[in-house]
Amino acid sequence: MQNIGQLEVADFVNPAGLEATGDTMFLETEASGQPITANPGTDNLGTIRQGMLEQSNVDSVKEITLLITAQRAYEMNSNVIKTSDQMMDTINQLR
């Protein structure tokens, strides 16, 4: 097997101080402090294992609930538009 490079992992003194820019994306801030970087398996920064599958970080029940909520909001908005159209038709017929 041929090695083509070395990955680096990072840790922060105050991880709670990182600025969330997405579900799994973070930016360094003054509150988080400077990153502490090292090779995996050193300085208690964790390890990386080849050939392993990462477990999903998606909460399927939460995501389905959010989809149902979005669908209901869409249906309600659609009904509001239909009702508005019907009201406009009725107003136009009165003229």
PDB file of N, CA and C in Angstrom:
ATOM      1  N   MET A   1       0.847  -1.169   0.000  1.00  0.00           N
ATOM      2  CA  MET A   1       0.000   0.000   0.000  1.00  0.00           C
ATOM      3  C   MET A   1       0.898   1.239   0.000  1.00  0.00           C
ATOM      4  N   GLN A   2       0.513   2.239  -0.775  1.00  0.00           N
ATOM      5  CA  GLN A   2       1.320   3.441  -0.916  1.00  0.00           C
ATOM      6  C   GLN A   2       0.670   4.595  -0.159  1.00  0.00           C
ATOM      7  N   ASN A   3       1.436   5.255   0.686  1.00  0.00           N
ATOM      8  CA  ASN A   3       0.945   6.441   1.390  1.00  0.00           C
ATOM      9  C   ASN A   3       1.119   7.649   0.492  1.00  0.00           C
ATOM     10  N   ILE A   4       0.052   8.435   0.370  1.00  0.00           N
ATOM     11  CA  ILE A   4       0.132   9.618  -0.494  1.00  0.00           C
ATOM     12  C   ILE A   4      -0.029  10.914   0.294  1.00  0.00           C
ATOM     13  N   GLY A   5      -0.232  10.818   1.589  1.00  0.00           N
ATOM     14  CA  GLY A   5      -0.367  12.034   2.383  1.00  0.00           C
ATOM     15  C   GLY A   5      -0.787  11.706   3.799  1.00  0.00           C
ATOM     16  N   GLN A   6      -0.875  12.719   4.624  1.00  0.00           N
ATOM     17  CA  GLN A   6      -1.242  12.546   6.022  1.00  0.00           C
ATOM     18  C   GLN A   6      -2.373  13.508   6.354  1.00  0.00           C
ATOM     19  N   LEU A   7      -3.452  12.993   6.901  1.00  0.00           N
ATOM     20  CA  LEU A   7      -4.553  13.849   7.332  1.00  0.00           C
ATOM     21  C   LEU A   7      -4.222  14.486   8.670  1.00  0.00           C
ATOM     22  N   GLU A   8      -4.776  15.655   8.895  1.00  0.00           N
ATOM     23  CA  GLU A   8      -4.635  16.338  10.167  1.00  0.00           C
ATOM     24  C   GLU A   8      -6.013  16.522  10.772  1.00  0.00           C
ATOM     25  N   VAL A   9      -6.114  16.381  12.079  1.00  0.00           N
ATOM     26  CA  VAL A   9      -7.369  16.652  12.777  1.00  0.00           C
ATOM     27  C   VAL A   9      -7.163  17.865  13.671  1.00  0.00           C
ATOM     28  N   ALA A  10      -8.272  18.534  14.000  1.00  0.00           N
ATOM     29  CA  ALA A  10      -8.184  19.754  14.798  1.00  0.00           C
ATOM     30  C   ALA A  10      -9.135  19.685  15.977  1.00  0.00           C
ATOM     31  N   ASP A  11      -8.764  20.351  17.049  1.00  0.00           N
ATOM     32  CA  ASP A  11      -9.595  20.489  18.244  1.00  0.00           C
ATOM     33  C   ASP A  11      -9.511  21.944  18.675  1.00  0.00           C
ATOM     34  N   PHE A  12     -10.467  22.370  19.465  1.00  0.00           N
ATOM     35  CA  PHE A  12     -10.494  23.738  19.962  1.00  0.00           C
ATOM     36  C   PHE A  12     -10.648  23.731  21.472  1.00  0.00           C
ATOM     37  N   VAL A  13     -10.047  24.717  22.122  1.00  0.00           N
ATOM     38  CA  VAL A  13     -10.133  24.836  23.578  1.00  0.00           C
ATOM     39  C   VAL A  13     -11.597  25.003  23.982  1.00  0.00           C
ATOM     40  N   ASN A  14     -12.365  25.798  23.214  1.00  0.00           N
ATOM     41  CA  ASN A  14     -13.770  26.038  23.492  1.00  0.00           C
ATOM     42  C   ASN A  14     -14.593  25.718  22.243  1.00  0.00           C
ATOM     43  N   PRO A  15     -14.928  24.440  22.020  1.00  0.00           N
ATOM     44  CA  PRO A  15     -15.688  24.082  20.826  1.00  0.00           C
ATOM     45  C   PRO A  15     -17.045  24.779  20.752  1.00  0.00           C
ATOM     46  N   ALA A  16     -17.625  25.110  21.896  1.00  0.00           N
ATOM     47  CA  ALA A  16     -18.921  25.795  21.909  1.00  0.00           C
ATOM     48  C   ALA A  16     -18.805  27.196  21.305  1.00  0.00           C
ATOM     49  N   GLY A  17     -17.599  27.745  21.229  1.00  0.00           N
ATOM     50  CA  GLY A  17     -17.396  29.074  20.672  1.00  0.00           C
ATOM     51  C   GLY A  17     -17.299  29.103  19.166  1.00  0.00           C
ATOM     52  N   LEU A  18     -17.327  27.930  18.509  1.00  0.00           N
ATOM     53  CA  LEU A  18     -17.289  27.884  17.048  1.00  0.00           C
ATOM     54  C   LEU A  18     -18.590  28.434  16.482  1.00  0.00           C
ATOM     55  N   GLU A  19     -18.502  29.071  15.329  1.00  0.00           N
ATOM     56  CA  GLU A  19     -19.691  29.626  14.671  1.00  0.00           C
ATOM     57  C   GLU A  19     -20.234  28.600  13.692  1.00  0.00           C
ATOM     58  N   ALA A  20     -21.470  28.162  13.929  1.00  0.00           N
ATOM     59  CA  ALA A  20     -22.110  27.183  13.045  1.00  0.00           C
ATOM     60  C   ALA A  20     -22.520  27.864  11.743  1.00  0.00           C
ATOM     61  N   THR A  21     -22.086  27.283  10.610  1.00  0.00           N
ATOM     62  CA  THR A  21     -22.462  27.827   9.309  1.00  0.00           C
ATOM     63  C   THR A  21     -23.304  26.832   8.528  1.00  0.00           C
ATOM     64  N   GLY A  22     -23.611  25.712   9.125  1.00  0.00           N
ATOM     65  CA  GLY A  22     -24.412  24.662   8.498  1.00  0.00           C
ATOM     66  C   GLY A  22     -24.588  23.555   9.519  1.00  0.00           C
ATOM     67  N   ASP A  23     -25.194  22.439   9.097  1.00  0.00           N
ATOM     68  CA  ASP A  23     -25.433  21.349  10.042  1.00  0.00           C
ATOM     69  C   ASP A  23     -24.143  20.749  10.587  1.00  0.00           C
ATOM     70  N   THR A  24     -23.090  20.704   9.765  1.00  0.00           N
ATOM     71  CA  THR A  24     -21.826  20.124  10.220  1.00  0.00           C
ATOM     72  C   THR A  24     -20.634  20.983   9.839  1.00  0.00           C
ATOM     73  N   MET A  25     -20.883  22.261   9.609  1.00  0.00           N
ATOM     74  CA  MET A  25     -19.817  23.178   9.212  1.00  0.00           C
ATOM     75  C   MET A  25     -19.661  24.260  10.281  1.00  0.00           C
ATOM     76  N   PHE A  26     -18.417  24.539  10.668  1.00  0.00           N
ATOM     77  CA  PHE A  26     -18.144  25.510  11.716  1.00  0.00           C
ATOM     78  C   PHE A  26     -16.970  26.398  11.324  1.00  0.00           C
ATOM     79  N   LEU A  27     -16.995  27.625  11.827  1.00  0.00           N
ATOM     80  CA  LEU A  27     -15.894  28.557  11.612  1.00  0.00           C
ATOM     81  C   LEU A  27     -15.240  28.896  12.946  1.00  0.00           C
ATOM     82  N   GLU A  28     -13.950  29.094  12.904  1.00  0.00           N
ATOM     83  CA  GLU A  28     -13.186  29.510  14.073  1.00  0.00           C
ATOM     84  C   GLU A  28     -13.583  30.939  14.447  1.00  0.00           C
ATOM     85  N   THR A  29     -13.704  31.193  15.748  1.00  0.00           N
ATOM     86  CA  THR A  29     -13.986  32.544  16.239  1.00  0.00           C
ATOM     87  C   THR A  29     -13.007  32.865  17.361  1.00  0.00           C
ATOM     88  N   GLU A  30     -13.054  34.095  17.828  1.00  0.00           N
ATOM     89  CA  GLU A  30     -12.209  34.461  18.977  1.00  0.00           C
ATOM     90  C   GLU A  30     -12.593  33.640  20.195  1.00  0.00           C
ATOM     91  N   ALA A  31     -13.897  33.364  20.345  1.00  0.00           N
ATOM     92  CA  ALA A  31     -14.369  32.600  21.506  1.00  0.00           C
ATOM     93  C   ALA A  31     -13.891  31.153  21.479  1.00  0.00           C
ATOM     94  N   SER A  32     -13.727  30.581  20.281  1.00  0.00           N
ATOM     95  CA  SER A  32     -13.303  29.184  20.191  1.00  0.00           C
ATOM     96  C   SER A  32     -11.816  29.018  20.440  1.00  0.00           C
ATOM     97  N   GLY A  33     -11.057  30.071  20.196  1.00  0.00           N
ATOM     98  CA  GLY A  33      -9.606  29.987  20.326  1.00  0.00           C
ATOM     99  C   GLY A  33      -8.986  29.429  19.057  1.00  0.00           C
ATOM    100  N   GLN A  34      -7.690  29.337  19.034  1.00  0.00           N
ATOM    101  CA  GLN A  34      -6.947  28.815  17.884  1.00  0.00           C
ATOM    102  C   GLN A  34      -7.097  27.299  17.813  1.00  0.00           C
ATOM    103  N   PRO A  35      -7.102  26.748  16.609  1.00  0.00           N
ATOM    104  CA  PRO A  35      -7.193  25.291  16.495  1.00  0.00           C
ATOM    105  C   PRO A  35      -5.909  24.618  16.963  1.00  0.00           C
ATOM    106  N   ILE A  36      -6.106  23.457  17.579  1.00  0.00           N
ATOM    107  CA  ILE A  36      -4.984  22.616  17.982  1.00  0.00           C
ATOM    108  C   ILE A  36      -4.970  21.469  16.976  1.00  0.00           C
ATOM    109  N   THR A  37      -3.981  21.440  16.101  1.00  0.00           N
ATOM    110  CA  THR A  37      -3.946  20.428  15.047  1.00  0.00           C
ATOM    111  C   THR A  37      -2.819  19.438  15.299  1.00  0.00           C
ATOM    112  N   ALA A  38      -3.067  18.219  14.897  1.00  0.00           N
ATOM    113  CA  ALA A  38      -2.058  17.164  15.020  1.00  0.00           C
ATOM    114  C   ALA A  38      -2.495  15.999  14.148  1.00  0.00           C
ATOM    115  N   ASN A  39      -1.652  15.030  14.022  1.00  0.00           N
ATOM    116  CA  ASN A  39      -1.989  13.817  13.295  1.00  0.00           C
ATOM    117  C   ASN A  39      -2.975  12.995  14.110  1.00  0.00           C
ATOM    118  N   PRO A  40      -3.859  12.264  13.442  1.00  0.00           N
ATOM    119  CA  PRO A  40      -4.803  11.411  14.172  1.00  0.00           C
ATOM    120  C   PRO A  40      -4.072  10.431  15.075  1.00  0.00           C
ATOM    121  N   GLY A  41      -4.647  10.206  16.242  1.00  0.00           N
ATOM    122  CA  GLY A  41      -4.062   9.263  17.194  1.00  0.00           C
ATOM    123  C   GLY A  41      -3.042   9.883  18.130  1.00  0.00           C
ATOM    124  N   THR A  42      -2.750  11.190  17.978  1.00  0.00           N
ATOM    125  CA  THR A  42      -1.826  11.861  18.874  1.00  0.00           C
ATOM    126  C   THR A  42      -2.558  12.953  19.635  1.00  0.00           C
ATOM    127  N   ASP A  43      -2.055  13.314  20.777  1.00  0.00           N
ATOM    128  CA  ASP A  43      -2.603  14.388  21.602  1.00  0.00           C
ATOM    129  C   ASP A  43      -4.090  14.219  21.895  1.00  0.00           C
ATOM    130  N   ASN A  44      -4.556  12.964  22.034  1.00  0.00           N
ATOM    131  CA  ASN A  44      -5.964  12.680  22.351  1.00  0.00           C
ATOM    132  C   ASN A  44      -6.936  13.321  21.365  1.00  0.00           C
ATOM    133  N   LEU A  45      -6.575  13.402  20.082  1.00  0.00           N
ATOM    134  CA  LEU A  45      -7.437  14.006  19.084  1.00  0.00           C
ATOM    135  C   LEU A  45      -8.245  12.981  18.304  1.00  0.00           C
ATOM    136  N   GLY A  46      -8.227  11.753  18.681  1.00  0.00           N
ATOM    137  CA  GLY A  46      -9.002  10.746  17.976  1.00  0.00           C
ATOM    138  C   GLY A  46      -8.211  10.078  16.876  1.00  0.00           C
ATOM    139  N   THR A  47      -8.821   9.068  16.303  1.00  0.00           N
ATOM    140  CA  THR A  47      -8.157   8.307  15.249  1.00  0.00           C
ATOM    141  C   THR A  47      -9.046   8.253  14.009  1.00  0.00           C
ATOM    142  N   ILE A  48      -8.441   7.899  12.912  1.00  0.00           N
ATOM    143  CA  ILE A  48      -9.162   7.694  11.655  1.00  0.00           C
ATOM    144  C   ILE A  48      -8.887   6.266  11.236  1.00  0.00           C
ATOM    145  N   ARG A  49      -9.960   5.546  10.900  1.00  0.00           N
ATOM    146  CA  ARG A  49      -9.810   4.145  10.527  1.00  0.00           C
ATOM    147  C   ARG A  49     -10.188   3.954   9.063  1.00  0.00           C
ATOM    148  N   GLN A  50      -9.318   3.309   8.343  1.00  0.00           N
ATOM    149  CA  GLN A  50      -9.536   3.051   6.933  1.00  0.00           C
ATOM    150  C   GLN A  50     -10.550   1.929   6.745  1.00  0.00           C
ATOM    151  N   GLY A  51     -11.412   2.075   5.748  1.00  0.00           N
ATOM    152  CA  GLY A  51     -12.349   1.011   5.406  1.00  0.00           C
ATOM    153  C   GLY A  51     -13.585   0.970   6.278  1.00  0.00           C
ATOM    154  N   MET A  52     -13.758   1.917   7.158  1.00  0.00           N
ATOM    155  CA  MET A  52     -14.913   1.944   8.040  1.00  0.00           C
ATOM    156  C   MET A  52     -15.989   2.856   7.471  1.00  0.00           C
ATOM    157  N   LEU A  53     -17.236   2.554   7.757  1.00  0.00           N
ATOM    158  CA  LEU A  53     -18.346   3.395   7.334  1.00  0.00           C
ATOM    159  C   LEU A  53     -18.747   4.306   8.477  1.00  0.00           C
ATOM    160  N   GLU A  54     -18.986   5.559   8.141  1.00  0.00           N
ATOM    161  CA  GLU A  54     -19.439   6.511   9.151  1.00  0.00           C
ATOM    162  C   GLU A  54     -20.922   6.303   9.376  1.00  0.00           C
ATOM    163  N   GLN A  55     -21.330   6.342  10.643  1.00  0.00           N
ATOM    164  CA  GLN A  55     -22.746   6.222  10.944  1.00  0.00           C
ATOM    165  C   GLN A  55     -23.455   7.509  10.551  1.00  0.00           C
ATOM    166  N   SER A  56     -24.683   7.364  10.146  1.00  0.00           N
ATOM    167  CA  SER A  56     -25.473   8.522   9.732  1.00  0.00           C
ATOM    168  C   SER A  56     -25.711   9.438  10.920  1.00  0.00           C
ATOM    169  N   ASN A  57     -25.622  10.739  10.677  1.00  0.00           N
ATOM    170  CA  ASN A  57     -25.907  11.705  11.727  1.00  0.00           C
ATOM    171  C   ASN A  57     -27.267  12.346  11.485  1.00  0.00           C
ATOM    172  N   VAL A  58     -28.114  11.677  10.698  1.00  0.00           N
ATOM    173  CA  VAL A  58     -29.448  12.183  10.397  1.00  0.00           C
ATOM    174  C   VAL A  58     -30.454  11.518  11.332  1.00  0.00           C
ATOM    175  N   ASP A  59     -31.281  12.345  11.958  1.00  0.00           N
ATOM    176  CA  ASP A  59     -32.371  11.838  12.788  1.00  0.00           C
ATOM    177  C   ASP A  59     -33.586  11.702  11.883  1.00  0.00           C
ATOM    178  N   SER A  60     -33.855  10.470  11.414  1.00  0.00           N
ATOM    179  CA  SER A  60     -34.902  10.268  10.410  1.00  0.00           C
ATOM    180  C   SER A  60     -36.280  10.671  10.925  1.00  0.00           C
ATOM    181  N   VAL A  61     -36.586  10.439  12.192  1.00  0.00           N
ATOM    182  CA  VAL A  61     -37.887  10.822  12.738  1.00  0.00           C
ATOM    183  C   VAL A  61     -38.045  12.337  12.701  1.00  0.00           C
ATOM    184  N   LYS A  62     -37.011  13.049  13.078  1.00  0.00           N
ATOM    185  CA  LYS A  62     -37.054  14.520  13.048  1.00  0.00           C
ATOM    186  C   LYS A  62     -37.233  15.024  11.621  1.00  0.00           C
ATOM    187  N   GLU A  63     -36.499  14.440  10.666  1.00  0.00           N
ATOM    188  CA  GLU A  63     -36.579  14.881   9.275  1.00  0.00           C
ATOM    189  C   GLU A  63     -37.949  14.606   8.676  1.00  0.00           C
ATOM    190  N   ILE A  64     -38.550  13.454   8.988  1.00  0.00           N
ATOM    191  CA  ILE A  64     -39.891  13.152   8.490  1.00  0.00           C
ATOM    192  C   ILE A  64     -40.904  14.119   9.096  1.00  0.00           C
ATOM    193  N   THR A  65     -40.747  14.430  10.381  1.00  0.00           N
ATOM    194  CA  THR A  65     -41.632  15.399  11.027  1.00  0.00           C
ATOM    195  C   THR A  65     -41.513  16.764  10.360  1.00  0.00           C
ATOM    196  N   LEU A  66     -40.291  17.183  10.040  1.00  0.00           N
ATOM    197  CA  LEU A  66     -40.096  18.463   9.357  1.00  0.00           C
ATOM    198  C   LEU A  66     -40.722  18.448   7.964  1.00  0.00           C
ATOM    199  N   LEU A  67     -40.615  17.314   7.261  1.00  0.00           N
ATOM    200  CA  LEU A  67     -41.235  17.196   5.934  1.00  0.00           C
ATOM    201  C   LEU A  67     -42.753  17.284   6.029  1.00  0.00           C
ATOM    202  N   ILE A  68     -43.348  16.620   7.009  1.00  0.00           N
ATOM    203  CA  ILE A  68     -44.796  16.678   7.191  1.00  0.00           C
ATOM    204  C   ILE A  68     -45.230  18.100   7.518  1.00  0.00           C
ATOM    205  N   THR A  69     -44.475  18.777   8.370  1.00  0.00           N
ATOM    206  CA  THR A  69     -44.787  20.166   8.717  1.00  0.00           C
ATOM    207  C   THR A  69     -44.716  21.056   7.483  1.00  0.00           C
ATOM    208  N   ALA A  70     -43.695  20.872   6.674  1.00  0.00           N
ATOM    209  CA  ALA A  70     -43.560  21.663   5.451  1.00  0.00           C
ATOM    210  C   ALA A  70     -44.701  21.366   4.483  1.00  0.00           C
ATOM    211  N   GLN A  71     -45.100  20.101   4.370  1.00  0.00           N
ATOM    212  CA  GLN A  71     -46.187  19.733   3.479  1.00  0.00           C
ATOM    213  C   GLN A  71     -47.493  20.373   3.941  1.00  0.00           C
ATOM    214  N   ARG A  72     -47.748  20.363   5.245  1.00  0.00           N
ATOM    215  CA  ARG A  72     -48.973  20.981   5.762  1.00  0.00           C
ATOM    216  C   ARG A  72     -48.964  22.487   5.540  1.00  0.00           C
ATOM    217  N   ALA A  73     -47.819  23.115   5.701  1.00  0.00           N
ATOM    218  CA  ALA A  73     -47.722  24.558   5.458  1.00  0.00           C
ATOM    219  C   ALA A  73     -47.981  24.853   3.987  1.00  0.00           C
ATOM    220  N   TYR A  74     -47.458  24.016   3.098  1.00  0.00           N
ATOM    221  CA  TYR A  74     -47.685  24.182   1.663  1.00  0.00           C
ATOM    222  C   TYR A  74     -49.173  24.044   1.343  1.00  0.00           C
ATOM    223  N   GLU A  75     -49.819  23.029   1.922  1.00  0.00           N
ATOM    224  CA  GLU A  75     -51.243  22.818   1.687  1.00  0.00           C
ATOM    225  C   GLU A  75     -52.070  24.003   2.188  1.00  0.00           C
ATOM    226  N   MET A  76     -51.726  24.529   3.372  1.00  0.00           N
ATOM    227  CA  MET A  76     -52.454  25.681   3.903  1.00  0.00           C
ATOM    228  C   MET A  76     -52.276  26.897   3.003  1.00  0.00           C
ATOM    229  N   ASN A  77     -51.056  27.133   2.543  1.00  0.00           N
ATOM    230  CA  ASN A  77     -50.817  28.257   1.639  1.00  0.00           C
ATOM    231  C   ASN A  77     -51.559  28.073   0.321  1.00  0.00           C
ATOM    232  N   SER A  78     -51.613  26.851  -0.167  1.00  0.00           N
ATOM    233  CA  SER A  78     -52.337  26.563  -1.395  1.00  0.00           C
ATOM    234  C   SER A  78     -53.829  26.847  -1.214  1.00  0.00           C
ATOM    235  N   ASN A  79     -54.372  26.468  -0.055  1.00  0.00           N
ATOM    236  CA  ASN A  79     -55.782  26.734   0.226  1.00  0.00           C
ATOM    237  C   ASN A  79     -56.056  28.228   0.335  1.00  0.00           C
ATOM    238  N   VAL A  80     -55.146  28.971   0.903  1.00  0.00           N
ATOM    239  CA  VAL A  80     -55.307  30.427   1.000  1.00  0.00           C
ATOM    240  C   VAL A  80     -55.359  31.034  -0.400  1.00  0.00           C
ATOM    241  N   ILE A  81     -54.493  30.572  -1.285  1.00  0.00           N
ATOM    242  CA  ILE A  81     -54.472  31.088  -2.655  1.00  0.00           C
ATOM    243  C   ILE A  81     -55.767  30.727  -3.377  1.00  0.00           C
ATOM    244  N   LYS A  82     -56.245  29.471  -3.214  1.00  0.00           N
ATOM    245  CA  LYS A  82     -57.505  29.064  -3.840  1.00  0.00           C
ATOM    246  C   LYS A  82     -58.657  29.934  -3.347  1.00  0.00           C
ATOM    247  N   THR A  83     -58.728  30.131  -2.035  1.00  0.00           N
ATOM    248  CA  THR A  83     -59.798  30.946  -1.459  1.00  0.00           C
ATOM    249  C   THR A  83     -59.713  32.371  -1.962  1.00  0.00           C
ATOM    250  N   SER A  84     -58.528  32.909  -2.057  1.00  0.00           N
ATOM    251  CA  SER A  84     -58.340  34.265  -2.575  1.00  0.00           C
ATOM    252  C   SER A  84     -58.799  34.356  -4.022  1.00  0.00           C
ATOM    253  N   ASP A  85     -58.468  33.356  -4.822  1.00  0.00           N
ATOM    254  CA  ASP A  85     -58.916  33.329  -6.218  1.00  0.00           C
ATOM    255  C   ASP A  85     -60.439  33.275  -6.303  1.00  0.00           C
ATOM    256  N   GLN A  86     -61.052  32.455  -5.456  1.00  0.00           N
ATOM    257  CA  GLN A  86     -62.514  32.355  -5.449  1.00  0.00           C
ATOM    258  C   GLN A  86     -63.145  33.684  -5.040  1.00  0.00           C
ATOM    259  N   MET A  87     -62.560  34.360  -4.066  1.00  0.00           N
ATOM    260  CA  MET A  87     -63.070  35.661  -3.638  1.00  0.00           C
ATOM    261  C   MET A  87     -62.954  36.678  -4.763  1.00  0.00           C
ATOM    262  N   MET A  88     -61.840  36.665  -5.475  1.00  0.00           N
ATOM    263  CA  MET A  88     -61.654  37.597  -6.586  1.00  0.00           C
ATOM    264  C   MET A  88     -62.661  37.309  -7.713  1.00  0.00           C
ATOM    265  N   ASP A  89     -62.925  36.029  -7.981  1.00  0.00           N
ATOM    266  CA  ASP A  89     -63.924  35.655  -8.991  1.00  0.00           C
ATOM    267  C   ASP A  89     -65.302  36.171  -8.579  1.00  0.00           C
ATOM    268  N   THR A  90     -65.659  35.995  -7.313  1.00  0.00           N
ATOM    269  CA  THR A  90     -66.951  36.460  -6.798  1.00  0.00           C
ATOM    270  C   THR A  90     -67.055  37.975  -6.908  1.00  0.00           C
ATOM    271  N   ILE A  91     -66.004  38.685  -6.555  1.00  0.00           N
ATOM    272  CA  ILE A  91     -65.991  40.155  -6.636  1.00  0.00           C
ATOM    273  C   ILE A  91     -66.141  40.591  -8.097  1.00  0.00           C
ATOM    274  N   ASN A  92     -65.447  39.934  -8.993  1.00  0.00           N
ATOM    275  CA  ASN A  92     -65.539  40.260 -10.430  1.00  0.00           C
ATOM    276  C   ASN A  92     -66.936  40.007 -10.982  1.00  0.00           C
ATOM    277  N   GLN A  93     -67.617  38.990 -10.478  1.00  0.00           N
ATOM    278  CA  GLN A  93     -68.967  38.689 -10.951  1.00  0.00           C
ATOM    279  C   GLN A  93     -69.978  39.707 -10.435  1.00  0.00           C
ATOM    280  N   LEU A  94     -69.705  40.353  -9.282  1.00  0.00           N
ATOM    281  CA  LEU A  94     -70.610  41.352  -8.717  1.00  0.00           C
ATOM    282  C   LEU A  94     -70.599  42.636  -9.502  1.00  0.00           C
ATOM    283  N   ARG A  95     -69.567  42.903 -10.241  1.00  0.00           N
ATOM    284  CA  ARG A  95     -69.451  44.174 -10.986  1.00  0.00           C
ATOM    285  C   ARG A  95     -70.341  44.205 -12.160  1.00  0.00           C
TER     286      ARG A  95
END
